[in-house]
Amino acid sequence: DSRFYNDALVAAVESVVAALPPGRLLCVIEVGAGTGGTAASVLPSLELSCARYTFTDVSEVFLRQAEPRFARFARFMQYELLNIDADPRLQGFAAAQFDVAVATNVLHA
């Protein structure tokens, strides 16, 4: 059930936010964000504590659809193509540039 997992993720993110020193902002990446169901759950918890939320997917269609949906969070949102099956460094992502990585039902063995 996606609601259960999204609620668990929100609780985890809220724990991270609560432990931040004053003035510290997070950089978050969501891998395989797709239609934005997970982002819709977690973004309200990050609104005051996020420097950058990078919404990624292998499909540019999902990125274009997400931008108006999450316009309320435009101050810290970024939309980037990412194929997690390939090396992220070869796609313009540096090592250790994010504090939190979110991947809901996207990484499979």
N, C-alpha and C. Protein backbone atom coordinates (compact mmCIF):
# COMPACT_ATOMS: atom_id res chain seq x y z
N ASP A 1 0.84 -1.18 0.00
CA ASP A 1 0.00 0.00 0.00
C ASP A 1 0.89 1.24 0.00
N SER A 2 0.76 2.07 -1.04
CA SER A 2 1.63 3.24 -1.19
C SER A 2 1.44 4.25 -0.06
N ARG A 3 0.24 4.36 0.46
CA ARG A 3 0.01 5.33 1.55
C ARG A 3 0.83 4.96 2.79
N PHE A 4 0.91 3.67 3.11
CA PHE A 4 1.71 3.23 4.25
C PHE A 4 3.17 3.64 4.06
N TYR A 5 3.72 3.36 2.88
CA TYR A 5 5.12 3.69 2.63
C TYR A 5 5.36 5.19 2.60
N ASN A 6 4.44 5.93 2.00
CA ASN A 6 4.59 7.39 1.99
C ASN A 6 4.52 7.95 3.40
N ASP A 7 3.62 7.43 4.23
CA ASP A 7 3.53 7.89 5.62
C ASP A 7 4.83 7.57 6.38
N ALA A 8 5.39 6.40 6.15
CA ALA A 8 6.66 6.02 6.79
C ALA A 8 7.78 6.95 6.33
N LEU A 9 7.80 7.26 5.05
CA LEU A 9 8.82 8.17 4.52
C LEU A 9 8.68 9.56 5.12
N VAL A 10 7.46 10.06 5.20
CA VAL A 10 7.22 11.38 5.79
C VAL A 10 7.71 11.40 7.24
N ALA A 11 7.43 10.36 7.99
CA ALA A 11 7.88 10.29 9.38
C ALA A 11 9.41 10.29 9.45
N ALA A 12 10.06 9.57 8.56
CA ALA A 12 11.53 9.54 8.54
C ALA A 12 12.09 10.91 8.20
N VAL A 13 11.53 11.55 7.18
CA VAL A 13 12.00 12.89 6.78
C VAL A 13 11.77 13.90 7.90
N GLU A 14 10.63 13.83 8.55
CA GLU A 14 10.36 14.74 9.66
C GLU A 14 11.35 14.53 10.81
N SER A 15 11.80 13.31 11.02
CA SER A 15 12.83 13.03 12.04
C SER A 15 14.16 13.67 11.65
N VAL A 16 14.51 13.56 10.39
CA VAL A 16 15.75 14.19 9.91
C VAL A 16 15.66 15.70 10.07
N VAL A 17 14.54 16.28 9.66
CA VAL A 17 14.35 17.74 9.76
C VAL A 17 14.43 18.18 11.22
N ALA A 18 13.82 17.43 12.12
CA ALA A 18 13.83 17.80 13.55
C ALA A 18 15.24 17.78 14.13
N ALA A 19 16.12 16.97 13.56
CA ALA A 19 17.49 16.86 14.07
C ALA A 19 18.45 17.87 13.45
N LEU A 20 17.98 18.66 12.50
CA LEU A 20 18.86 19.64 11.85
C LEU A 20 19.26 20.76 12.80
N PRO A 21 20.50 21.20 12.72
CA PRO A 21 20.87 22.39 13.48
C PRO A 21 20.14 23.61 12.90
N PRO A 22 19.93 24.63 13.71
CA PRO A 22 19.24 25.84 13.23
C PRO A 22 19.91 26.40 11.97
N GLY A 23 19.09 26.73 11.00
CA GLY A 23 19.60 27.33 9.77
C GLY A 23 20.09 26.34 8.73
N ARG A 24 20.18 25.09 9.07
CA ARG A 24 20.67 24.06 8.13
C ARG A 24 19.53 23.62 7.22
N LEU A 25 19.78 23.62 5.92
CA LEU A 25 18.79 23.20 4.94
C LEU A 25 19.26 21.93 4.23
N LEU A 26 18.34 21.09 3.85
CA LEU A 26 18.64 19.81 3.22
C LEU A 26 18.67 19.91 1.69
N CYS A 27 19.47 19.04 1.11
CA CYS A 27 19.43 18.79 -0.33
C CYS A 27 18.93 17.36 -0.50
N VAL A 28 17.83 17.21 -1.21
CA VAL A 28 17.15 15.92 -1.34
C VAL A 28 17.06 15.55 -2.82
N ILE A 29 17.25 14.27 -3.12
CA ILE A 29 17.02 13.76 -4.46
C ILE A 29 15.97 12.67 -4.38
N GLU A 30 15.02 12.72 -5.31
CA GLU A 30 14.07 11.62 -5.46
C GLU A 30 14.36 10.93 -6.78
N VAL A 31 14.68 9.66 -6.70
CA VAL A 31 15.01 8.85 -7.88
C VAL A 31 13.74 8.20 -8.40
N GLY A 32 13.50 8.32 -9.69
CA GLY A 32 12.32 7.70 -10.28
C GLY A 32 11.03 8.27 -9.73
N ALA A 33 10.92 9.58 -9.71
CA ALA A 33 9.79 10.25 -9.07
C ALA A 33 8.47 10.04 -9.80
N GLY A 34 8.53 9.70 -11.08
CA GLY A 34 7.32 9.35 -11.83
C GLY A 34 6.22 10.38 -11.76
N THR A 35 5.04 9.95 -11.36
CA THR A 35 3.87 10.83 -11.34
C THR A 35 3.86 11.79 -10.16
N GLY A 36 4.80 11.63 -9.23
CA GLY A 36 4.92 12.59 -8.13
C GLY A 36 4.16 12.23 -6.87
N GLY A 37 3.69 11.01 -6.74
CA GLY A 37 2.94 10.62 -5.56
C GLY A 37 3.73 10.75 -4.27
N THR A 38 4.99 10.32 -4.32
CA THR A 38 5.84 10.42 -3.13
C THR A 38 6.18 11.87 -2.84
N ALA A 39 6.54 12.62 -3.86
CA ALA A 39 6.87 14.03 -3.67
C ALA A 39 5.69 14.78 -3.05
N ALA A 40 4.48 14.49 -3.52
CA ALA A 40 3.30 15.16 -2.97
C ALA A 40 3.15 14.90 -1.47
N SER A 41 3.57 13.73 -1.03
CA SER A 41 3.48 13.40 0.40
C SER A 41 4.57 14.08 1.21
N VAL A 42 5.79 14.12 0.68
CA VAL A 42 6.94 14.55 1.48
C VAL A 42 7.25 16.04 1.39
N LEU A 43 6.93 16.68 0.29
CA LEU A 43 7.30 18.09 0.12
C LEU A 43 6.75 19.02 1.20
N PRO A 44 5.51 18.87 1.65
CA PRO A 44 5.04 19.77 2.71
C PRO A 44 5.90 19.70 3.98
N SER A 45 6.48 18.55 4.27
CA SER A 45 7.34 18.40 5.45
C SER A 45 8.70 19.07 5.26
N LEU A 46 9.06 19.33 4.02
CA LEU A 46 10.37 19.92 3.71
C LEU A 46 10.30 21.41 3.40
N GLU A 47 9.11 21.94 3.34
CA GLU A 47 8.92 23.30 2.84
C GLU A 47 9.83 24.35 3.48
N LEU A 48 10.06 24.25 4.77
CA LEU A 48 10.88 25.24 5.46
C LEU A 48 12.31 24.77 5.70
N SER A 49 12.63 23.56 5.26
CA SER A 49 13.94 22.97 5.59
C SER A 49 14.70 22.47 4.38
N CYS A 50 14.31 22.87 3.19
CA CYS A 50 14.91 22.32 1.98
C CYS A 50 15.58 23.40 1.15
N ALA A 51 16.85 23.18 0.85
CA ALA A 51 17.57 24.07 -0.06
C ALA A 51 17.32 23.65 -1.50
N ARG A 52 17.22 22.31 -1.71
CA ARG A 52 17.03 21.79 -3.07
C ARG A 52 16.38 20.42 -3.00
N TYR A 53 15.32 20.24 -3.76
CA TYR A 53 14.68 18.93 -3.94
C TYR A 53 14.78 18.63 -5.42
N THR A 54 15.56 17.63 -5.75
CA THR A 54 15.77 17.27 -7.15
C THR A 54 14.86 16.09 -7.50
N PHE A 55 13.87 16.38 -8.30
CA PHE A 55 12.86 15.43 -8.75
C PHE A 55 13.39 14.82 -10.03
N THR A 56 13.68 13.52 -10.02
CA THR A 56 14.27 12.90 -11.20
C THR A 56 13.39 11.78 -11.74
N ASP A 57 13.56 11.56 -13.03
CA ASP A 57 12.93 10.42 -13.67
C ASP A 57 13.64 10.16 -14.99
N VAL A 58 13.43 8.98 -15.52
CA VAL A 58 14.02 8.63 -16.81
C VAL A 58 13.21 9.24 -17.96
N SER A 59 11.98 9.67 -17.67
CA SER A 59 11.10 10.23 -18.68
C SER A 59 10.92 11.73 -18.51
N GLU A 60 11.20 12.47 -19.56
CA GLU A 60 11.02 13.92 -19.53
C GLU A 60 9.54 14.30 -19.39
N VAL A 61 8.65 13.43 -19.83
CA VAL A 61 7.21 13.69 -19.71
C VAL A 61 6.83 13.89 -18.25
N PHE A 62 7.32 13.01 -17.36
CA PHE A 62 7.00 13.14 -15.94
C PHE A 62 7.57 14.43 -15.36
N LEU A 63 8.73 14.84 -15.82
CA LEU A 63 9.34 16.08 -15.31
C LEU A 63 8.48 17.28 -15.71
N ARG A 64 8.04 17.30 -16.96
CA ARG A 64 7.19 18.42 -17.44
C ARG A 64 5.85 18.46 -16.70
N GLN A 65 5.29 17.30 -16.39
CA GLN A 65 4.01 17.26 -15.68
C GLN A 65 4.17 17.67 -14.22
N ALA A 66 5.33 17.40 -13.64
CA ALA A 66 5.55 17.70 -12.22
C ALA A 66 5.73 19.19 -11.96
N GLU A 67 6.32 19.90 -12.89
CA GLU A 67 6.64 21.31 -12.64
C GLU A 67 5.42 22.14 -12.26
N PRO A 68 4.32 22.10 -13.01
CA PRO A 68 3.16 22.88 -12.57
C PRO A 68 2.51 22.30 -11.30
N ARG A 69 2.57 20.98 -11.17
CA ARG A 69 1.95 20.36 -10.00
C ARG A 69 2.61 20.84 -8.71
N PHE A 70 3.93 21.02 -8.74
CA PHE A 70 4.67 21.39 -7.54
C PHE A 70 5.14 22.85 -7.58
N ALA A 71 4.44 23.68 -8.30
CA ALA A 71 4.79 25.10 -8.42
C ALA A 71 4.88 25.79 -7.06
N ARG A 72 4.08 25.35 -6.12
CA ARG A 72 4.11 25.93 -4.76
C ARG A 72 5.50 25.83 -4.13
N PHE A 73 6.26 24.82 -4.54
CA PHE A 73 7.59 24.58 -3.97
C PHE A 73 8.71 25.03 -4.92
N ALA A 74 8.39 25.86 -5.89
CA ALA A 74 9.34 26.25 -6.95
C ALA A 74 10.64 26.83 -6.40
N ARG A 75 10.60 27.43 -5.22
CA ARG A 75 11.80 28.04 -4.62
C ARG A 75 12.95 27.05 -4.51
N PHE A 76 12.65 25.78 -4.28
CA PHE A 76 13.73 24.82 -4.08
C PHE A 76 13.65 23.58 -4.98
N MET A 77 12.73 23.56 -5.92
CA MET A 77 12.57 22.39 -6.80
C MET A 77 13.49 22.46 -8.00
N GLN A 78 14.01 21.29 -8.37
CA GLN A 78 14.75 21.11 -9.62
C GLN A 78 14.20 19.85 -10.28
N TYR A 79 14.21 19.80 -11.59
CA TYR A 79 13.71 18.66 -12.34
C TYR A 79 14.81 18.20 -13.28
N GLU A 80 15.23 16.95 -13.13
CA GLU A 80 16.37 16.45 -13.90
C GLU A 80 16.10 15.04 -14.41
N LEU A 81 16.57 14.78 -15.63
CA LEU A 81 16.55 13.42 -16.14
C LEU A 81 17.60 12.60 -15.41
N LEU A 82 17.25 11.37 -15.05
CA LEU A 82 18.20 10.45 -14.41
C LEU A 82 17.76 9.02 -14.69
N ASN A 83 18.65 8.27 -15.30
CA ASN A 83 18.46 6.84 -15.49
C ASN A 83 19.33 6.16 -14.44
N ILE A 84 18.71 5.65 -13.39
CA ILE A 84 19.46 5.10 -12.27
C ILE A 84 20.18 3.80 -12.64
N ASP A 85 19.85 3.22 -13.78
CA ASP A 85 20.55 2.03 -14.25
C ASP A 85 21.94 2.37 -14.80
N ALA A 86 22.19 3.64 -15.04
CA ALA A 86 23.49 4.11 -15.51
C ALA A 86 24.15 4.92 -14.40
N ASP A 87 25.43 5.12 -14.51
CA ASP A 87 26.20 5.86 -13.51
C ASP A 87 25.72 7.31 -13.44
N PRO A 88 25.18 7.73 -12.28
CA PRO A 88 24.70 9.11 -12.15
C PRO A 88 25.80 10.16 -12.42
N ARG A 89 27.05 9.82 -12.12
CA ARG A 89 28.14 10.78 -12.36
C ARG A 89 28.29 11.09 -13.84
N LEU A 90 27.96 10.12 -14.69
CA LEU A 90 28.04 10.34 -16.14
C LEU A 90 26.83 11.11 -16.67
N GLN A 91 25.88 11.40 -15.77
CA GLN A 91 24.67 12.14 -16.13
C GLN A 91 24.63 13.51 -15.47
N GLY A 92 25.78 13.94 -14.92
CA GLY A 92 25.88 15.28 -14.36
C GLY A 92 25.65 15.39 -12.87
N PHE A 93 25.55 14.25 -12.17
CA PHE A 93 25.36 14.27 -10.72
C PHE A 93 26.68 13.97 -10.03
N ALA A 94 27.06 14.83 -9.09
CA ALA A 94 28.31 14.64 -8.34
C ALA A 94 28.07 13.72 -7.16
N ALA A 95 29.11 13.06 -6.73
CA ALA A 95 29.02 12.22 -5.54
C ALA A 95 28.79 13.10 -4.31
N ALA A 96 28.02 12.61 -3.38
CA ALA A 96 27.80 13.26 -2.07
C ALA A 96 27.20 14.66 -2.16
N GLN A 97 26.36 14.93 -3.14
CA GLN A 97 25.76 16.27 -3.23
C GLN A 97 24.39 16.34 -2.58
N PHE A 98 23.88 15.21 -2.07
CA PHE A 98 22.56 15.18 -1.45
C PHE A 98 22.65 14.65 -0.03
N ASP A 99 21.79 15.17 0.84
CA ASP A 99 21.71 14.72 2.22
C ASP A 99 20.76 13.54 2.38
N VAL A 100 19.69 13.55 1.58
CA VAL A 100 18.65 12.53 1.66
C VAL A 100 18.35 12.05 0.25
N ALA A 101 18.26 10.73 0.09
CA ALA A 101 17.84 10.13 -1.19
C ALA A 101 16.53 9.38 -0.97
N VAL A 102 15.57 9.65 -1.84
CA VAL A 102 14.26 9.01 -1.77
C VAL A 102 14.10 8.16 -3.04
N ALA A 103 13.71 6.92 -2.85
CA ALA A 103 13.46 6.03 -3.98
C ALA A 103 12.34 5.08 -3.57
N THR A 104 11.13 5.36 -4.01
CA THR A 104 9.96 4.58 -3.62
C THR A 104 9.51 3.70 -4.77
N ASN A 105 9.60 2.39 -4.58
CA ASN A 105 9.16 1.42 -5.56
C ASN A 105 9.80 1.63 -6.93
N VAL A 106 11.08 1.95 -6.92
CA VAL A 106 11.76 2.23 -8.18
C VAL A 106 13.03 1.40 -8.35
N LEU A 107 13.67 0.99 -7.26
CA LEU A 107 14.89 0.19 -7.34
C LEU A 107 14.53 -1.28 -7.18
N HIS A 108 14.90 -2.05 -8.17
CA HIS A 108 14.56 -3.47 -8.17
C HIS A 108 15.81 -4.30 -8.41
N ALA A 109 15.84 -5.48 -7.82
CA ALA A 109 17.00 -6.38 -7.99
C ALA A 109 17.05 -6.96 -9.37
